[in-house]
Amino acid sequence: MAETDLHETFRGDLLAHCYRMVGSVEEAEDLVQETMVRAWRAAGRYDPELASVRTWLHRIATNVCLTALDGKARRPLPSGLAPAGDDPYAPLTPSLDVPWLQPFPDARLGDPAVAAQQRAGLRLALVAALQLLPARQRAALVLRDVLQLPAAEVAQALDTSVASVNSSLQRARATLRAAAPVLEELREPADPDERGVVERYLAAFEAADVPGLTRLLAADVVLEMPPVALWLAGREHYRTFMERVFAMRGPGWRVLPVRANGGPALAAYAPADGGWRAHSLQVFAISGGLVRRCVTFADPAVFALFGLPATRTGDAP
């Protein structure tokens, strides 16, 4: 196999890695391409006795990401900026000056085996929490705890000592523990009824059945709506907000199941002009047979990331 072909087999893996680092699918794709160019130029210096091809490529990708992150603002979710709101009828004003975290289309990983391997490490809660970390701490934690590289290889990738890596890891883990129990989520299996919950949610959403939706929610469910900075916590706030949505937009929505960030998601199309127009992409966290979090990316532009059309007509699937 030619070197370039061998490198290409890791493209999905590298895309996931760069996305975790920068929080943007579009930026991650550019950074993977830069990684491939650098790997091709440095192929003659690669020593298989020092590192596997995968580790070597991740070292290049990490340094490409660190350069790209220099001086850039982090990409948050609304819950990372302010406390939860208490008014489901608050104005829904987009904060377009914030570089929001983007959802990740699982289809971009290519090989289903890669998608299965990357699942936990792509969860929105983890990627959002990673944005709280300084870039080098972020890199150390991703390489060590997500990719599970030995500390010595992480030190080599970051051109530092094992002691420095361990120190960075301690600080990074402490920050993440304070933000959310996301490190534990890396070891949790998927909810066995995840698909059934999403199917029931989809059916209730298309029927504008707010009581049916509410029965699928955990008591402490969280609803986030980037680029709107407002976010809500609790089943009753969620229920009231959904009543508001259907009162504003009407019933008759069409919803498509997709996969995002290693889990279930729904692409929602609102009724418009005799058809349907892209409205929002909803990414779920489900456990215990209930929706624990729904991050609703209320920006039709994200549909392009998933290869989805901006409008639908008739009975198009």
C-alpha atoms as a PDB file:
ATOM      1  CA  MET A   1       0.000   0.000   0.000  1.00  0.00           C
ATOM      2  CA  ALA A   2       1.350   3.441  -0.943  1.00  0.00           C
ATOM      3  CA  GLU A   3       2.147   5.801   1.926  1.00  0.00           C
ATOM      4  CA  THR A   4      -0.571   8.253   0.918  1.00  0.00           C
ATOM      5  CA  ASP A   5      -3.148   5.431   0.759  1.00  0.00           C
ATOM      6  CA  LEU A   6      -2.051   4.197   4.185  1.00  0.00           C
ATOM      7  CA  HIS A   7      -2.405   7.695   5.615  1.00  0.00           C
ATOM      8  CA  GLU A   8      -5.878   8.001   4.085  1.00  0.00           C
ATOM      9  CA  THR A   9      -7.099   4.980   6.066  1.00  0.00           C
ATOM     10  CA  PHE A  10      -6.745   7.132   9.194  1.00  0.00           C
ATOM     11  CA  ARG A  11      -8.623  10.174   7.830  1.00  0.00           C
ATOM     12  CA  GLY A  12     -11.828   9.519   9.813  1.00  0.00           C
ATOM     13  CA  ASP A  13      -9.840   8.857  12.981  1.00  0.00           C
ATOM     14  CA  LEU A  14      -7.876  12.086  12.506  1.00  0.00           C
ATOM     15  CA  LEU A  15     -11.026  14.061  11.736  1.00  0.00           C
ATOM     16  CA  ALA A  16     -12.518  12.995  15.063  1.00  0.00           C
ATOM     17  CA  HIS A  17      -9.284  13.955  16.828  1.00  0.00           C
ATOM     18  CA  CYS A  18      -9.105  17.415  15.256  1.00  0.00           C
ATOM     19  CA  TYR A  19     -12.811  18.009  15.941  1.00  0.00           C
ATOM     20  CA  ARG A  20     -12.309  17.260  19.637  1.00  0.00           C
ATOM     21  CA  MET A  21      -9.478  19.763  19.684  1.00  0.00           C
ATOM     22  CA  VAL A  22     -11.162  22.652  17.825  1.00  0.00           C
ATOM     23  CA  GLY A  23     -14.928  21.992  18.112  1.00  0.00           C
ATOM     24  CA  SER A  24     -15.634  22.733  14.442  1.00  0.00           C
ATOM     25  CA  VAL A  25     -16.175  20.166  11.692  1.00  0.00           C
ATOM     26  CA  GLU A  26     -15.157  22.556   8.929  1.00  0.00           C
ATOM     27  CA  GLU A  27     -11.959  23.610  10.696  1.00  0.00           C
ATOM     28  CA  ALA A  28     -11.192  19.989  11.541  1.00  0.00           C
ATOM     29  CA  GLU A  29     -11.403  18.989   7.876  1.00  0.00           C
ATOM     30  CA  ASP A  30      -8.914  21.719   6.946  1.00  0.00           C
ATOM     31  CA  LEU A  31      -6.586  20.624   9.747  1.00  0.00           C
ATOM     32  CA  VAL A  32      -6.716  16.982   8.648  1.00  0.00           C
ATOM     33  CA  GLN A  33      -5.784  18.055   5.142  1.00  0.00           C
ATOM     34  CA  GLU A  34      -2.830  20.024   6.526  1.00  0.00           C
ATOM     35  CA  THR A  35      -1.859  16.948   8.553  1.00  0.00           C
ATOM     36  CA  MET A  36      -1.859  14.807   5.409  1.00  0.00           C
ATOM     37  CA  VAL A  37       0.318  17.295   3.562  1.00  0.00           C
ATOM     38  CA  ARG A  38       2.823  17.436   6.423  1.00  0.00           C
ATOM     39  CA  ALA A  39       2.841  13.634   6.718  1.00  0.00           C
ATOM     40  CA  TRP A  40       3.547  13.267   3.002  1.00  0.00           C
ATOM     41  CA  ARG A  41       6.421  15.745   3.211  1.00  0.00           C
ATOM     42  CA  ALA A  42       7.878  14.036   6.296  1.00  0.00           C
ATOM     43  CA  ALA A  43       7.317  10.430   5.159  1.00  0.00           C
ATOM     44  CA  GLY A  44      11.044   9.858   4.644  1.00  0.00           C
ATOM     45  CA  ARG A  45      11.729  10.696   8.306  1.00  0.00           C
ATOM     46  CA  TYR A  46       9.120   8.340   9.737  1.00  0.00           C
ATOM     47  CA  ASP A  47      10.653   5.556  11.863  1.00  0.00           C
ATOM     48  CA  PRO A  48       8.261   2.619  12.501  1.00  0.00           C
ATOM     49  CA  GLU A  49      10.416   1.512  15.425  1.00  0.00           C
ATOM     50  CA  LEU A  50       9.605   4.711  17.309  1.00  0.00           C
ATOM     51  CA  ALA A  51       5.827   4.887  16.766  1.00  0.00           C
ATOM     52  CA  SER A  52       2.971   3.329  14.825  1.00  0.00           C
ATOM     53  CA  VAL A  53       1.699   5.190  11.771  1.00  0.00           C
ATOM     54  CA  ARG A  54      -1.476   6.089  13.707  1.00  0.00           C
ATOM     55  CA  THR A  55       0.478   7.552  16.628  1.00  0.00           C
ATOM     56  CA  TRP A  56       2.789   9.434  14.260  1.00  0.00           C
ATOM     57  CA  LEU A  57      -0.165  10.940  12.371  1.00  0.00           C
ATOM     58  CA  HIS A  58      -1.881  11.936  15.610  1.00  0.00           C
ATOM     59  CA  ARG A  59       1.315  13.637  16.718  1.00  0.00           C
ATOM     60  CA  ILE A  60       1.350  15.698  13.515  1.00  0.00           C
ATOM     61  CA  ALA A  61      -2.389  16.434  13.785  1.00  0.00           C
ATOM     62  CA  THR A  62      -2.065  17.523  17.412  1.00  0.00           C
ATOM     63  CA  ASN A  63       0.625  20.043  16.577  1.00  0.00           C
ATOM     64  CA  VAL A  64      -1.362  21.318  13.599  1.00  0.00           C
ATOM     65  CA  CYS A  65      -4.327  21.844  15.952  1.00  0.00           C
ATOM     66  CA  LEU A  66      -2.227  23.573  18.611  1.00  0.00           C
ATOM     67  CA  THR A  67      -0.985  26.050  16.024  1.00  0.00           C
ATOM     68  CA  ALA A  68      -4.542  26.659  14.793  1.00  0.00           C
ATOM     69  CA  LEU A  69      -5.844  27.208  18.333  1.00  0.00           C
ATOM     70  CA  ASP A  70      -3.255  29.828  19.223  1.00  0.00           C
ATOM     71  CA  GLY A  71      -5.146  33.007  20.100  1.00  0.00           C
ATOM     72  CA  LYS A  72      -8.592  31.619  19.208  1.00  0.00           C
ATOM     73  CA  ALA A  73     -11.649  31.744  21.439  1.00  0.00           C
ATOM     74  CA  ARG A  74     -13.115  28.458  22.673  1.00  0.00           C
ATOM     75  CA  ARG A  75     -16.284  27.020  21.152  1.00  0.00           C
ATOM     76  CA  PRO A  76     -18.916  26.663  23.896  1.00  0.00           C
ATOM     77  CA  LEU A  77     -22.469  25.457  24.246  1.00  0.00           C
ATOM     78  CA  PRO A  78     -24.936  27.819  25.970  1.00  0.00           C
ATOM     79  CA  SER A  79     -24.605  25.907  29.253  1.00  0.00           C
ATOM     80  CA  GLY A  80     -20.911  26.801  29.282  1.00  0.00           C
ATOM     81  CA  LEU A  81     -21.580  30.541  29.268  1.00  0.00           C
ATOM     82  CA  ALA A  82     -24.297  31.308  31.821  1.00  0.00           C
ATOM     83  CA  PRO A  83     -26.723  29.716  34.307  1.00  0.00           C
ATOM     84  CA  ALA A  84     -29.905  28.085  33.031  1.00  0.00           C
ATOM     85  CA  GLY A  85     -32.764  30.407  32.154  1.00  0.00           C
ATOM     86  CA  ASP A  86     -36.069  30.328  34.010  1.00  0.00           C
ATOM     87  CA  ASP A  87     -38.357  31.689  31.282  1.00  0.00           C
ATOM     88  CA  PRO A  88     -39.335  29.366  28.400  1.00  0.00           C
ATOM     89  CA  TYR A  89     -40.909  32.417  26.723  1.00  0.00           C
ATOM     90  CA  ALA A  90     -37.728  34.521  26.734  1.00  0.00           C
ATOM     91  CA  PRO A  91     -36.767  36.095  23.374  1.00  0.00           C
ATOM     92  CA  LEU A  92     -34.847  33.695  21.130  1.00  0.00           C
ATOM     93  CA  THR A  93     -32.137  36.069  19.986  1.00  0.00           C
ATOM     94  CA  PRO A  94     -29.162  34.431  18.241  1.00  0.00           C
ATOM     95  CA  SER A  95     -25.731  35.341  19.582  1.00  0.00           C
ATOM     96  CA  LEU A  96     -23.937  35.377  16.257  1.00  0.00           C
ATOM     97  CA  ASP A  97     -20.714  36.751  17.731  1.00  0.00           C
ATOM     98  CA  VAL A  98     -20.078  33.497  19.618  1.00  0.00           C
ATOM     99  CA  PRO A  99     -18.099  30.766  17.767  1.00  0.00           C
ATOM    100  CA  TRP A 100     -20.461  27.959  18.837  1.00  0.00           C
ATOM    101  CA  LEU A 101     -19.499  24.316  19.089  1.00  0.00           C
ATOM    102  CA  GLN A 102     -20.685  22.401  16.010  1.00  0.00           C
ATOM    103  CA  PRO A 103     -22.306  18.950  15.879  1.00  0.00           C
ATOM    104  CA  PHE A 104     -20.252  16.152  14.335  1.00  0.00           C
ATOM    105  CA  PRO A 105     -21.807  13.957  11.586  1.00  0.00           C
ATOM    106  CA  ASP A 106     -20.898  10.322  12.342  1.00  0.00           C
ATOM    107  CA  ALA A 107     -21.052   9.552   8.613  1.00  0.00           C
ATOM    108  CA  ARG A 108     -17.836  11.588   8.194  1.00  0.00           C
ATOM    109  CA  LEU A 109     -15.960   8.829  10.057  1.00  0.00           C
ATOM    110  CA  GLY A 110     -16.453   6.453   7.124  1.00  0.00           C
ATOM    111  CA  ASP A 111     -15.715   2.924   8.342  1.00  0.00           C
ATOM    112  CA  PRO A 112     -18.462   1.744  10.789  1.00  0.00           C
ATOM    113  CA  ALA A 113     -15.755   0.156  12.931  1.00  0.00           C
ATOM    114  CA  VAL A 114     -14.116   3.571  13.307  1.00  0.00           C
ATOM    115  CA  ALA A 115     -17.493   5.097  14.202  1.00  0.00           C
ATOM    116  CA  ALA A 116     -18.055   2.484  16.902  1.00  0.00           C
ATOM    117  CA  GLN A 117     -14.562   3.053  18.296  1.00  0.00           C
ATOM    118  CA  GLN A 118     -14.978   6.840  18.369  1.00  0.00           C
ATOM    119  CA  ARG A 119     -18.513   6.905  19.834  1.00  0.00           C
ATOM    120  CA  ALA A 120     -17.849   7.862  23.464  1.00  0.00           C
ATOM    121  CA  GLY A 121     -15.033  10.256  22.633  1.00  0.00           C
ATOM    122  CA  LEU A 122     -17.305  12.343  20.397  1.00  0.00           C
ATOM    123  CA  ARG A 123     -20.132  12.946  22.862  1.00  0.00           C
ATOM    124  CA  LEU A 124     -21.116  16.594  22.992  1.00  0.00           C
ATOM    125  CA  ALA A 125     -20.751  16.760  26.769  1.00  0.00           C
ATOM    126  CA  LEU A 126     -17.123  15.704  26.476  1.00  0.00           C
ATOM    127  CA  VAL A 127     -16.246  17.916  23.504  1.00  0.00           C
ATOM    128  CA  ALA A 128     -17.922  20.917  25.159  1.00  0.00           C
ATOM    129  CA  ALA A 129     -16.022  20.278  28.403  1.00  0.00           C
ATOM    130  CA  LEU A 130     -12.741  19.976  26.491  1.00  0.00           C
ATOM    131  CA  GLN A 131     -13.248  23.539  25.291  1.00  0.00           C
ATOM    132  CA  LEU A 132     -12.793  24.687  28.909  1.00  0.00           C
ATOM    133  CA  LEU A 133      -9.182  23.534  28.872  1.00  0.00           C
ATOM    134  CA  PRO A 134      -6.077  25.381  27.653  1.00  0.00           C
ATOM    135  CA  ALA A 135      -4.998  23.939  24.321  1.00  0.00           C
ATOM    136  CA  ARG A 136      -2.047  21.871  25.581  1.00  0.00           C
ATOM    137  CA  GLN A 137      -4.035  20.442  28.484  1.00  0.00           C
ATOM    138  CA  ARG A 138      -6.767  19.593  25.994  1.00  0.00           C
ATOM    139  CA  ALA A 139      -4.264  17.808  23.781  1.00  0.00           C
ATOM    140  CA  ALA A 140      -2.764  15.858  26.691  1.00  0.00           C
ATOM    141  CA  LEU A 141      -6.170  14.683  27.885  1.00  0.00           C
ATOM    142  CA  VAL A 142      -7.399  13.698  24.423  1.00  0.00           C
ATOM    143  CA  LEU A 143      -4.226  11.774  23.608  1.00  0.00           C
ATOM    144  CA  ARG A 144      -4.053  10.033  26.992  1.00  0.00           C
ATOM    145  CA  ASP A 145      -7.686   9.465  28.063  1.00  0.00           C
ATOM    146  CA  VAL A 146      -9.539   9.328  24.739  1.00  0.00           C
ATOM    147  CA  LEU A 147      -6.933   7.797  22.403  1.00  0.00           C
ATOM    148  CA  GLN A 148      -5.317   5.981  25.350  1.00  0.00           C
ATOM    149  CA  LEU A 149      -1.749   6.550  24.219  1.00  0.00           C
ATOM    150  CA  PRO A 150       0.989   5.788  26.779  1.00  0.00           C
ATOM    151  CA  ALA A 151       2.233   8.815  28.706  1.00  0.00           C
ATOM    152  CA  ALA A 152       5.656   8.520  27.056  1.00  0.00           C
ATOM    153  CA  GLU A 153       4.106   8.774  23.579  1.00  0.00           C
ATOM    154  CA  VAL A 154       1.987  11.748  24.656  1.00  0.00           C
ATOM    155  CA  ALA A 155       5.132  13.445  25.949  1.00  0.00           C
ATOM    156  CA  GLN A 156       6.828  12.795  22.627  1.00  0.00           C
ATOM    157  CA  ALA A 157       3.850  14.170  20.700  1.00  0.00           C
ATOM    158  CA  LEU A 158       3.837  17.354  22.782  1.00  0.00           C
ATOM    159  CA  ASP A 159       7.646  17.642  22.878  1.00  0.00           C
ATOM    160  CA  THR A 160       7.704  17.634  26.675  1.00  0.00           C
ATOM    161  CA  SER A 161       8.419  15.333  29.621  1.00  0.00           C
ATOM    162  CA  VAL A 162       6.254  12.575  31.092  1.00  0.00           C
ATOM    163  CA  ALA A 163       6.154  14.542  34.362  1.00  0.00           C
ATOM    164  CA  SER A 164       4.805  17.577  32.511  1.00  0.00           C
ATOM    165  CA  VAL A 165       2.177  15.443  30.772  1.00  0.00           C
ATOM    166  CA  ASN A 166       1.042  13.948  34.076  1.00  0.00           C
ATOM    167  CA  SER A 167       0.829  17.400  35.638  1.00  0.00           C
ATOM    168  CA  SER A 168      -1.251  18.678  32.712  1.00  0.00           C
ATOM    169  CA  LEU A 169      -3.514  15.648  32.967  1.00  0.00           C
ATOM    170  CA  GLN A 170      -4.142  16.217  36.674  1.00  0.00           C
ATOM    171  CA  ARG A 171      -5.186  19.818  36.059  1.00  0.00           C
ATOM    172  CA  ALA A 172      -7.299  18.901  33.028  1.00  0.00           C
ATOM    173  CA  ARG A 173      -9.106  16.071  34.834  1.00  0.00           C
ATOM    174  CA  ALA A 174      -9.825  18.334  37.795  1.00  0.00           C
ATOM    175  CA  THR A 175     -11.354  20.951  35.491  1.00  0.00           C
ATOM    176  CA  LEU A 176     -13.529  18.370  33.763  1.00  0.00           C
ATOM    177  CA  ARG A 177     -14.676  16.811  37.035  1.00  0.00           C
ATOM    178  CA  ALA A 178     -15.809  20.246  38.174  1.00  0.00           C
ATOM    179  CA  ALA A 179     -17.676  20.822  34.912  1.00  0.00           C
ATOM    180  CA  ALA A 180     -19.418  17.461  34.507  1.00  0.00           C
ATOM    181  CA  PRO A 181     -18.747  13.735  34.981  1.00  0.00           C
ATOM    182  CA  VAL A 182     -17.684  13.418  31.359  1.00  0.00           C
ATOM    183  CA  LEU A 183     -14.665  11.188  31.940  1.00  0.00           C
ATOM    184  CA  GLU A 184     -16.944   8.540  33.433  1.00  0.00           C
ATOM    185  CA  GLU A 185     -19.135   8.767  30.316  1.00  0.00           C
ATOM    186  CA  LEU A 186     -16.216   7.473  28.249  1.00  0.00           C
ATOM    187  CA  ARG A 187     -16.695   4.098  29.905  1.00  0.00           C
ATOM    188  CA  GLU A 188     -20.500   3.955  29.939  1.00  0.00           C
ATOM    189  CA  PRO A 189     -22.212   1.623  27.450  1.00  0.00           C
ATOM    190  CA  ALA A 190     -24.948   2.966  25.202  1.00  0.00           C
ATOM    191  CA  ASP A 191     -28.495   2.835  26.538  1.00  0.00           C
ATOM    192  CA  PRO A 192     -30.004  -0.398  25.117  1.00  0.00           C
ATOM    193  CA  ASP A 193     -33.330   1.394  24.472  1.00  0.00           C
ATOM    194  CA  GLU A 194     -31.696   4.445  22.876  1.00  0.00           C
ATOM    195  CA  ARG A 195     -33.141   3.744  19.431  1.00  0.00           C
ATOM    196  CA  GLY A 196     -36.624   3.101  20.808  1.00  0.00           C
ATOM    197  CA  VAL A 197     -36.600   6.349  22.797  1.00  0.00           C
ATOM    198  CA  VAL A 198     -35.617   8.352  19.725  1.00  0.00           C
ATOM    199  CA  GLU A 199     -38.259   6.644  17.570  1.00  0.00           C
ATOM    200  CA  ARG A 200     -40.932   7.510  20.125  1.00  0.00           C
ATOM    201  CA  TYR A 201     -39.617  11.079  20.385  1.00  0.00           C
ATOM    202  CA  LEU A 202     -39.702  11.433  16.578  1.00  0.00           C
ATOM    203  CA  ALA A 203     -43.292  10.174  16.392  1.00  0.00           C
ATOM    204  CA  ALA A 204     -44.434  12.508  19.176  1.00  0.00           C
ATOM    205  CA  PHE A 205     -42.627  15.478  17.605  1.00  0.00           C
ATOM    206  CA  GLU A 206     -44.208  14.947  14.189  1.00  0.00           C
ATOM    207  CA  ALA A 207     -47.619  14.619  15.874  1.00  0.00           C
ATOM    208  CA  ALA A 208     -47.011  17.795  17.935  1.00  0.00           C
ATOM    209  CA  ASP A 209     -47.759  15.583  20.942  1.00  0.00           C
ATOM    210  CA  VAL A 210     -46.248  17.559  23.809  1.00  0.00           C
ATOM    211  CA  PRO A 211     -47.499  15.203  26.562  1.00  0.00           C
ATOM    212  CA  GLY A 212     -45.942  12.305  24.626  1.00  0.00           C
ATOM    213  CA  LEU A 213     -42.637  14.174  24.359  1.00  0.00           C
ATOM    214  CA  THR A 214     -42.728  15.058  28.043  1.00  0.00           C
ATOM    215  CA  ARG A 215     -43.090  11.415  29.083  1.00  0.00           C
ATOM    216  CA  LEU A 216     -39.737  10.711  27.413  1.00  0.00           C
ATOM    217  CA  LEU A 217     -37.851  13.348  29.430  1.00  0.00           C
ATOM    218  CA  ALA A 218     -35.832  12.964  32.617  1.00  0.00           C
ATOM    219  CA  ALA A 219     -36.903  15.236  35.458  1.00  0.00           C
ATOM    220  CA  ASP A 220     -33.640  17.225  35.204  1.00  0.00           C
ATOM    221  CA  VAL A 221     -33.463  17.233  31.391  1.00  0.00           C
ATOM    222  CA  VAL A 222     -31.444  20.019  29.763  1.00  0.00           C
ATOM    223  CA  LEU A 223     -32.412  21.815  26.543  1.00  0.00           C
ATOM    224  CA  GLU A 224     -29.828  23.946  24.735  1.00  0.00           C
ATOM    225  CA  MET A 225     -30.378  25.922  21.529  1.00  0.00           C
ATOM    226  CA  PRO A 226     -27.215  27.396  19.983  1.00  0.00           C
ATOM    227  CA  PRO A 227     -26.860  29.998  18.466  1.00  0.00           C
ATOM    228  CA  VAL A 228     -29.424  31.196  21.043  1.00  0.00           C
ATOM    229  CA  ALA A 229     -27.611  31.599  24.363  1.00  0.00           C
ATOM    230  CA  LEU A 230     -30.723  30.670  26.371  1.00  0.00           C
ATOM    231  CA  TRP A 231     -30.805  27.171  27.831  1.00  0.00           C
ATOM    232  CA  LEU A 232     -33.373  25.518  30.057  1.00  0.00           C
ATOM    233  CA  ALA A 233     -33.276  22.814  32.719  1.00  0.00           C
ATOM    234  CA  GLY A 234     -36.137  20.654  33.974  1.00  0.00           C
ATOM    235  CA  ARG A 235     -39.020  18.746  32.434  1.00  0.00           C
ATOM    236  CA  GLU A 236     -41.613  21.495  32.941  1.00  0.00           C
ATOM    237  CA  HIS A 237     -39.512  24.163  31.233  1.00  0.00           C
ATOM    238  CA  TYR A 238     -38.891  21.776  28.340  1.00  0.00           C
ATOM    239  CA  ARG A 239     -42.626  20.994  28.063  1.00  0.00           C
ATOM    240  CA  THR A 240     -43.578  24.673  28.085  1.00  0.00           C
ATOM    241  CA  PHE A 241     -40.972  25.499  25.492  1.00  0.00           C
ATOM    242  CA  MET A 242     -42.240  22.768  23.147  1.00  0.00           C
ATOM    243  CA  GLU A 243     -45.777  24.115  23.507  1.00  0.00           C
ATOM    244  CA  ARG A 244     -44.371  27.487  22.482  1.00  0.00           C
ATOM    245  CA  VAL A 245     -42.597  25.977  19.447  1.00  0.00           C
ATOM    246  CA  PHE A 246     -45.752  24.338  18.079  1.00  0.00           C
ATOM    247  CA  ALA A 247     -47.807  27.456  18.802  1.00  0.00           C
ATOM    248  CA  MET A 248     -45.301  29.542  16.816  1.00  0.00           C
ATOM    249  CA  ARG A 249     -44.545  27.148  13.958  1.00  0.00           C
ATOM    250  CA  GLY A 250     -47.652  24.979  13.896  1.00  0.00           C
ATOM    251  CA  PRO A 251     -47.883  21.191  13.663  1.00  0.00           C
ATOM    252  CA  GLY A 252     -46.987  19.042  10.662  1.00  0.00           C
ATOM    253  CA  TRP A 253     -43.198  18.951  11.058  1.00  0.00           C
ATOM    254  CA  ARG A 254     -41.069  16.328   9.294  1.00  0.00           C
ATOM    255  CA  VAL A 255     -38.166  14.758  11.125  1.00  0.00           C
ATOM    256  CA  LEU A 256     -35.277  12.594   9.877  1.00  0.00           C
ATOM    257  CA  PRO A 257     -33.119  10.375  12.120  1.00  0.00           C
ATOM    258  CA  VAL A 258     -29.359  10.868  11.754  1.00  0.00           C
ATOM    259  CA  ARG A 259     -26.258  10.071  13.827  1.00  0.00           C
ATOM    260  CA  ALA A 260     -24.232  12.835  15.435  1.00  0.00           C
ATOM    261  CA  ASN A 261     -21.473  12.872  18.037  1.00  0.00           C
ATOM    262  CA  GLY A 262     -21.589   9.125  18.475  1.00  0.00           C
ATOM    263  CA  GLY A 263     -25.290   9.080  19.293  1.00  0.00           C
ATOM    264  CA  PRO A 264     -28.824   9.642  18.024  1.00  0.00           C
ATOM    265  CA  ALA A 265     -29.959  12.902  16.461  1.00  0.00           C
ATOM    266  CA  LEU A 266     -32.949  14.241  14.562  1.00  0.00           C
ATOM    267  CA  ALA A 267     -33.052  16.746  11.704  1.00  0.00           C
ATOM    268  CA  ALA A 268     -36.266  18.754  12.096  1.00  0.00           C
ATOM    269  CA  TYR A 269     -37.986  20.463   9.166  1.00  0.00           C
ATOM    270  CA  ALA A 270     -40.661  23.068   9.945  1.00  0.00           C
ATOM    271  CA  PRO A 271     -43.716  23.483   7.694  1.00  0.00           C
ATOM    272  CA  ALA A 272     -43.219  26.319   5.174  1.00  0.00           C
ATOM    273  CA  ASP A 273     -44.691  27.283   1.792  1.00  0.00           C
ATOM    274  CA  GLY A 274     -46.436  23.982   1.186  1.00  0.00           C
ATOM    275  CA  GLY A 275     -43.352  21.960   2.077  1.00  0.00           C
ATOM    276  CA  TRP A 276     -40.788  21.940   4.853  1.00  0.00           C
ATOM    277  CA  ARG A 277     -37.720  24.035   5.574  1.00  0.00           C
ATOM    278  CA  ALA A 278     -34.634  23.041   7.590  1.00  0.00           C
ATOM    279  CA  HIS A 279     -35.052  24.305  11.132  1.00  0.00           C
ATOM    280  CA  SER A 280     -32.826  22.546  13.676  1.00  0.00           C
ATOM    281  CA  LEU A 281     -30.660  19.529  14.345  1.00  0.00           C
ATOM    282  CA  GLN A 282     -31.320  17.898  17.724  1.00  0.00           C
ATOM    283  CA  VAL A 283     -28.575  15.818  19.358  1.00  0.00           C
ATOM    284  CA  PHE A 284     -29.596  13.645  22.322  1.00  0.00           C
ATOM    285  CA  ALA A 285     -28.013  12.146  25.408  1.00  0.00           C
ATOM    286  CA  ILE A 286     -30.126   9.207  26.599  1.00  0.00           C
ATOM    287  CA  SER A 287     -29.799   6.974  29.625  1.00  0.00           C
ATOM    288  CA  GLY A 288     -32.226   4.961  31.716  1.00  0.00           C
ATOM    289  CA  GLY A 289     -34.694   5.046  28.849  1.00  0.00           C
ATOM    290  CA  LEU A 290     -35.083   8.846  29.076  1.00  0.00           C
ATOM    291  CA  VAL A 291     -33.744  11.920  27.300  1.00  0.00           C
ATOM    292  CA  ARG A 292     -31.239  13.579  29.626  1.00  0.00           C
ATOM    293  CA  ARG A 293     -30.081  16.334  27.297  1.00  0.00           C
ATOM    294  CA  CYS A 294     -31.100  17.710  23.926  1.00  0.00           C
ATOM    295  CA  VAL A 295     -28.783  20.144  22.184  1.00  0.00           C
ATOM    296  CA  THR A 296     -30.868  21.724  19.442  1.00  0.00           C
ATOM    297  CA  PHE A 297     -28.640  23.423  16.888  1.00  0.00           C
ATOM    298  CA  ALA A 298     -31.142  26.018  15.712  1.00  0.00           C
ATOM    299  CA  ASP A 299     -29.084  26.980  12.685  1.00  0.00           C
ATOM    300  CA  PRO A 300     -30.159  25.550   9.321  1.00  0.00           C
ATOM    301  CA  ALA A 301     -26.556  25.910   8.128  1.00  0.00           C
ATOM    302  CA  VAL A 302     -25.574  22.796  10.108  1.00  0.00           C
ATOM    303  CA  PHE A 303     -27.744  20.692   7.772  1.00  0.00           C
ATOM    304  CA  ALA A 304     -25.057  21.074   5.091  1.00  0.00           C
ATOM    305  CA  LEU A 305     -22.538  19.388   7.420  1.00  0.00           C
ATOM    306  CA  PHE A 306     -24.768  16.304   7.350  1.00  0.00           C
ATOM    307  CA  GLY A 307     -25.426  16.389   3.600  1.00  0.00           C
ATOM    308  CA  LEU A 308     -29.090  17.215   4.237  1.00  0.00           C
ATOM    309  CA  PRO A 309     -31.207  19.406   1.956  1.00  0.00           C
ATOM    310  CA  ALA A 310     -32.379  22.857   3.050  1.00  0.00           C
ATOM    311  CA  THR A 311     -35.964  22.111   1.997  1.00  0.00           C
ATOM    312  CA  ARG A 312     -38.237  19.112   1.501  1.00  0.00           C
ATOM    313  CA  THR A 313     -41.328  18.754  -0.615  1.00  0.00           C
ATOM    314  CA  GLY A 314     -44.101  16.166  -0.958  1.00  0.00           C
ATOM    315  CA  ASP A 315     -43.337  12.866   0.713  1.00  0.00           C
ATOM    316  CA  ALA A 316     -39.587  12.972   0.116  1.00  0.00           C
ATOM    317  CA  PRO A 317     -37.753  10.758   2.639  1.00  0.00           C
END
